[in-house]
Each structure stands twice: as structure tokens, then as C-alpha cells.
Amino acid sequence: MPSIDIPELEKILGVTTKDPNLYLSAFTHRSYLNENRGFGLPHNERLEFLGDAVLELVATEYLYKHYSHPEGELTNFRSALVNYKKLSDIAKRLGFEQFLLMSRGEAKDMGRARQVILANCIEAVLGAMYLDLGYEPTANFIEREILIELPAIISGGSYLDPKSKLQELVQEKKGVTPTYAVISETGPDHNKVFVVGAFVGKAEVGRGTGPSKQEAELSAAEDALKQNTF
């Protein structure tokens, strides 16, 4: 069975681990088991499920204690902090890629799929830490390595996603809410490409593509903000 460099991981996490197998599972993508049937440990999805909840609790508690903003803004802050793009950036900064176990095919993909794998991985590691060491060491790590991103998120306004920004501007200028419509949908179920238009009234003000309707809508909103023709 392969292993990961636990001493190196402990340096990154700032802890002394008790159960290395938990962390080995945390870095194991489902695809790795397809090529290594006798691996002997589960992939990381259950740990990811747990770690996602731990991260949300720690982030929510921190925001509640340190920021006096209304509930809606706190929700936006948290969403910007725990979305897959931000988490994948943090995972890269921490050097988590060196520990990943995945199929040869997945290892070649350096695009969105890798971002999602890294984001899921950091949540799985949080789940492993929580089971291995408890709440406090996990919360300390989250504060040190993840919550540190909050000031830049808030000062830079990145907590407002493109759809929220577009809605604010359009409501301010036109007094209406922008809408979105799927213009086309192509590809097999496992690899769809959606094209979505952003509309103010009947006028199309932006267009975007993505592997899901939600991401295509975000892309369309970004396009609308760039064009600024509403």
C-alpha cells in the first residue's frame, strides 16, 4: 500500500498526527481506487463530508464573533471563503498536490477538475484532523490557514459573486432584477457544456458558458459586468 510523507504533512498542518491512515484516505481520490482495487482504505468522500461541516462551523463561529455585519453579508463572506476555487488555491499554497493519490487520467487534468479535487481534499483533511485530534487543533489550523484569507476577501469585495454584483447594479439603474436563460446545452451527461444568457428585461446583456447551469450563469454575469450595456 502506498504511503504519504507524514512528517512533511505534519509540518504543513502544524500538528502531530495519531492515525496516519486517516490522512492517507483524505488524499485518496475515488479514481485511484478504480486502478488500485487492493488499496485497503476508503477514498476521501466521507471525510470530505465531515470536513465540510467542520469548516462551516468554525468559519461561522469566527465570523459571528469577529464581524458585526448583518446575517446576509456574513453568509456571503463565508461562501466566498469556502467555495472550491478559494479552497483549491489554499490547498495549492499548502502544497497538498504532492500528496494526492488519483488515477493516471485525473492526474493529467490540470483544469477545473483538479481545482475541485484539491478543494475536496482540503475538506477531507479537515475531517481527518477532526477525527484524529478533535475540534480545537482543527479549528486552530482553519483559523491559521483558511480564515486568514477573510480580510482580503472583504476589502476586495470578492465576497460578492458576479450575479450578486450584477443584480445590485441593475436594480440600482433599472429597478429590475436580471434573469438567466439556457441558450444551448451540449455534450454527454458527464461532460455537459451550458451556454446561458443574462437578460435585463428582454435584452441580452451577457453570455457565458460552463459545465453546469450555475457556472454558466456566473460566466454570463461576468460578461454582462464587463460589457456594462444595461
Protein backbone atom coordinates (compact mmCIF):
# COMPACT_ATOMS: atom_id res chain seq x y z
CA MET A 1 0.00 0.00 0.00
CA PRO A 2 1.40 3.45 -0.89
CA SER A 3 2.03 6.00 1.80
CA ILE A 4 2.36 9.75 2.11
CA ASP A 5 5.15 11.71 3.78
CA ILE A 6 3.55 12.09 7.20
CA PRO A 7 6.41 14.15 8.74
CA GLU A 8 6.15 16.62 5.86
CA LEU A 9 2.36 16.75 6.20
CA GLU A 10 2.69 17.33 9.96
CA LYS A 11 4.92 20.34 9.27
CA ILE A 12 2.26 21.77 6.97
CA LEU A 13 -0.59 21.09 9.38
CA GLY A 14 1.35 22.12 12.47
CA VAL A 15 0.24 19.03 14.40
CA THR A 16 1.44 15.59 15.43
CA THR A 17 -0.90 13.01 13.93
CA LYS A 18 -2.09 9.84 15.66
CA ASP A 19 -3.66 7.84 12.81
CA PRO A 20 -1.76 8.23 9.51
CA ASN A 21 -4.34 6.14 7.64
CA LEU A 22 -6.96 8.83 8.12
CA TYR A 23 -4.77 11.29 6.23
CA LEU A 24 -3.89 8.74 3.58
CA SER A 25 -7.62 8.30 2.96
CA ALA A 26 -8.06 12.08 2.92
CA PHE A 27 -5.68 12.37 -0.03
CA THR A 28 -7.16 9.43 -1.94
CA HIS A 29 -9.46 10.35 -4.80
CA ARG A 30 -12.18 7.92 -5.84
CA SER A 31 -10.47 7.38 -9.22
CA TYR A 32 -7.35 5.96 -7.54
CA LEU A 33 -9.32 3.00 -6.20
CA ASN A 34 -10.51 2.15 -9.71
CA GLU A 35 -6.89 1.43 -10.68
CA ASN A 36 -5.82 0.02 -7.29
CA ARG A 37 -8.53 -2.39 -6.18
CA GLY A 38 -6.47 -3.80 -3.32
CA PHE A 39 -5.68 -0.42 -1.76
CA GLY A 40 -7.33 -1.33 1.53
CA LEU A 41 -8.57 2.12 2.57
CA PRO A 42 -11.65 4.13 1.52
CA HIS A 43 -11.49 7.17 -0.74
CA ASN A 44 -11.92 10.62 0.77
CA GLU A 45 -15.58 11.46 0.13
CA ARG A 46 -16.90 10.59 3.60
CA LEU A 47 -14.08 12.55 5.23
CA GLU A 48 -14.85 15.43 2.88
CA PHE A 49 -18.49 15.35 4.01
CA LEU A 50 -17.39 15.65 7.64
CA GLY A 51 -14.69 18.25 6.99
CA ASP A 52 -17.12 20.47 5.07
CA ALA A 53 -19.34 20.64 8.17
CA VAL A 54 -16.38 21.32 10.48
CA LEU A 55 -15.13 24.12 8.23
CA GLU A 56 -18.57 25.71 8.02
CA LEU A 57 -18.99 25.61 11.81
CA VAL A 58 -15.55 27.08 12.54
CA ALA A 59 -15.93 29.78 9.88
CA THR A 60 -19.44 30.66 11.05
CA GLU A 61 -18.40 30.90 14.69
CA TYR A 62 -15.40 33.07 13.77
CA LEU A 63 -17.48 35.41 11.63
CA TYR A 64 -20.11 35.73 14.35
CA LYS A 65 -17.50 36.64 16.97
CA HIS A 66 -15.33 38.98 14.89
CA TYR A 67 -17.69 40.73 12.45
CA SER A 68 -20.82 42.73 13.29
CA HIS A 69 -22.24 42.66 9.74
CA PRO A 70 -25.83 41.56 9.02
CA GLU A 71 -26.54 37.85 8.54
CA GLY A 72 -26.75 38.13 4.75
CA GLU A 73 -23.29 39.68 4.47
CA LEU A 74 -21.80 37.13 6.85
CA THR A 75 -23.23 34.39 4.64
CA ASN A 76 -21.60 35.99 1.59
CA PHE A 77 -18.26 36.25 3.42
CA ARG A 78 -18.42 32.57 4.33
CA SER A 79 -19.44 31.49 0.83
CA ALA A 80 -16.52 33.37 -0.71
CA LEU A 81 -14.16 31.72 1.76
CA VAL A 82 -15.29 28.11 1.31
CA ASN A 83 -16.01 27.97 -2.44
CA TYR A 84 -13.99 25.42 -4.41
CA LYS A 85 -11.79 27.99 -6.17
CA LYS A 86 -10.63 29.60 -2.94
CA LEU A 87 -10.13 26.25 -1.19
CA SER A 88 -8.15 24.87 -4.14
CA ASP A 89 -5.89 27.95 -4.04
CA ILE A 90 -5.29 27.38 -0.32
CA ALA A 91 -4.59 23.68 -0.93
CA LYS A 92 -2.02 24.61 -3.59
CA ARG A 93 -0.40 27.15 -1.27
CA LEU A 94 -0.09 24.47 1.40
CA GLY A 95 1.47 22.01 -1.05
CA PHE A 96 -1.31 19.42 -0.87
CA GLU A 97 -0.87 18.40 -4.52
CA GLN A 98 2.28 16.43 -3.66
CA PHE A 99 0.21 14.04 -1.53
CA LEU A 100 -2.72 13.40 -3.91
CA LEU A 101 -3.48 9.83 -4.95
CA MET A 102 -5.61 9.66 -8.10
CA SER A 103 -5.88 7.83 -11.41
CA ARG A 104 -3.46 8.48 -14.25
CA GLY A 105 -6.26 10.16 -16.18
CA GLU A 106 -7.19 12.51 -13.35
CA ALA A 107 -3.53 13.33 -12.77
CA LYS A 108 -3.31 14.76 -16.30
CA ASP A 109 -6.23 17.16 -15.82
CA MET A 110 -4.92 20.48 -14.51
CA GLY A 111 -8.12 22.49 -15.05
CA ARG A 112 -11.37 22.81 -13.12
CA ALA A 113 -11.41 19.11 -12.22
CA ARG A 114 -8.09 19.49 -10.38
CA GLN A 115 -9.42 22.52 -8.53
CA VAL A 116 -12.43 20.53 -7.34
CA ILE A 117 -10.22 17.60 -6.29
CA LEU A 118 -7.98 19.93 -4.26
CA ALA A 119 -10.93 21.70 -2.64
CA ASN A 120 -12.49 18.37 -1.69
CA CYS A 121 -9.12 17.18 -0.43
CA ILE A 122 -8.64 20.07 1.97
CA GLU A 123 -12.11 19.40 3.40
CA ALA A 124 -11.25 15.71 3.74
CA VAL A 125 -8.05 16.61 5.60
CA LEU A 126 -10.12 18.73 7.98
CA GLY A 127 -12.38 15.73 8.53
CA ALA A 128 -9.34 13.55 9.22
CA MET A 129 -7.89 16.09 11.66
CA TYR A 130 -11.20 16.35 13.49
CA LEU A 131 -11.47 12.57 13.92
CA ASP A 132 -7.78 12.21 14.77
CA LEU A 133 -7.17 15.20 17.04
CA GLY A 134 -10.51 16.80 17.87
CA TYR A 135 -12.10 20.18 17.38
CA GLU A 136 -9.54 22.60 18.81
CA PRO A 137 -6.46 21.63 16.75
CA THR A 138 -8.64 21.54 13.62
CA ALA A 139 -10.13 24.95 14.38
CA ASN A 140 -6.64 26.38 15.02
CA PHE A 141 -5.48 25.13 11.63
CA ILE A 142 -8.57 26.58 9.91
CA GLU A 143 -8.00 29.96 11.56
CA ARG A 144 -4.32 29.99 10.67
CA GLU A 145 -4.52 28.82 7.07
CA ILE A 146 -8.07 29.48 5.82
CA LEU A 147 -9.67 32.28 7.83
CA ILE A 148 -6.55 34.36 7.23
CA GLU A 149 -8.00 34.93 3.73
CA LEU A 150 -11.05 36.79 5.09
CA PRO A 151 -9.65 40.36 5.29
CA ALA A 152 -8.62 40.32 1.62
CA ILE A 153 -11.97 38.82 0.60
CA ILE A 154 -13.87 41.55 2.44
CA SER A 155 -11.69 44.53 1.49
CA GLY A 156 -11.53 43.43 -2.15
CA GLY A 157 -15.27 42.88 -2.42
CA SER A 158 -14.79 39.39 -3.83
CA TYR A 159 -17.49 38.10 -1.47
CA LEU A 160 -19.99 39.49 -3.93
CA ASP A 161 -20.18 36.94 -6.74
CA PRO A 162 -20.79 38.27 -10.28
CA LYS A 163 -24.52 37.51 -10.10
CA SER A 164 -24.87 39.49 -6.88
CA LYS A 165 -22.86 42.41 -8.27
CA LEU A 166 -24.91 42.44 -11.47
CA GLN A 167 -28.16 42.31 -9.53
CA GLU A 168 -27.12 45.27 -7.36
CA LEU A 169 -26.13 47.39 -10.38
CA VAL A 170 -29.18 46.53 -12.47
CA GLN A 171 -31.57 47.14 -9.60
CA GLU A 172 -29.87 50.45 -8.91
CA LYS A 173 -30.00 51.57 -12.57
CA LYS A 174 -33.17 49.92 -13.85
CA GLY A 175 -35.17 48.93 -10.81
CA VAL A 176 -35.49 45.34 -12.06
CA THR A 177 -33.76 42.02 -11.37
CA PRO A 178 -31.68 40.37 -14.14
CA THR A 179 -32.76 36.93 -15.32
CA TYR A 180 -30.91 34.00 -16.88
CA ALA A 181 -31.88 31.54 -19.59
CA VAL A 182 -30.15 28.49 -21.06
CA ILE A 183 -29.43 29.16 -24.73
CA SER A 184 -27.91 25.78 -25.53
CA GLU A 185 -26.89 22.55 -23.83
CA THR A 186 -24.43 20.16 -25.49
CA GLY A 187 -22.33 17.11 -24.66
CA PRO A 188 -22.94 13.85 -22.78
CA ASP A 189 -24.32 13.84 -19.24
CA HIS A 190 -20.88 13.52 -17.64
CA ASN A 191 -19.38 16.37 -19.70
CA LYS A 192 -22.12 18.92 -20.40
CA VAL A 193 -21.47 22.42 -21.71
CA PHE A 194 -24.16 25.00 -20.99
CA VAL A 195 -24.47 28.37 -22.71
CA VAL A 196 -26.52 30.85 -20.69
CA GLY A 197 -27.65 34.38 -21.42
CA ALA A 198 -28.09 37.15 -18.84
CA PHE A 199 -31.08 39.38 -19.56
CA VAL A 200 -32.37 42.73 -18.37
CA GLY A 201 -35.97 42.66 -19.46
CA LYS A 202 -35.85 41.18 -22.95
CA ALA A 203 -32.36 42.49 -23.73
CA GLU A 204 -29.44 40.08 -23.52
CA VAL A 205 -26.64 41.84 -21.68
CA GLY A 206 -24.15 38.99 -21.30
CA ARG A 207 -23.44 35.42 -22.28
CA GLY A 208 -21.36 32.70 -20.64
CA THR A 209 -20.50 29.00 -20.76
CA GLY A 210 -19.82 26.41 -18.08
CA PRO A 211 -20.06 22.73 -17.09
CA SER A 212 -23.21 23.49 -15.08
CA LYS A 213 -26.06 25.97 -15.35
CA GLN A 214 -24.85 27.71 -12.19
CA GLU A 215 -21.33 28.25 -13.50
CA ALA A 216 -22.62 29.35 -16.91
CA GLU A 217 -24.84 31.90 -15.15
CA LEU A 218 -21.82 33.24 -13.23
CA SER A 219 -19.90 33.48 -16.50
CA ALA A 220 -22.81 35.32 -18.14
CA ALA A 221 -22.97 37.76 -15.23
CA GLU A 222 -19.21 38.38 -15.52
CA ASP A 223 -19.65 39.07 -19.22
CA ALA A 224 -22.51 41.47 -18.53
CA LEU A 225 -20.42 43.36 -15.97
CA LYS A 226 -17.57 43.68 -18.49
CA GLN A 227 -19.84 44.90 -21.27
CA ASN A 228 -21.83 47.22 -18.97
CA THR A 229 -24.53 47.84 -21.61
CA PHE A 230 -27.54 47.66 -19.29
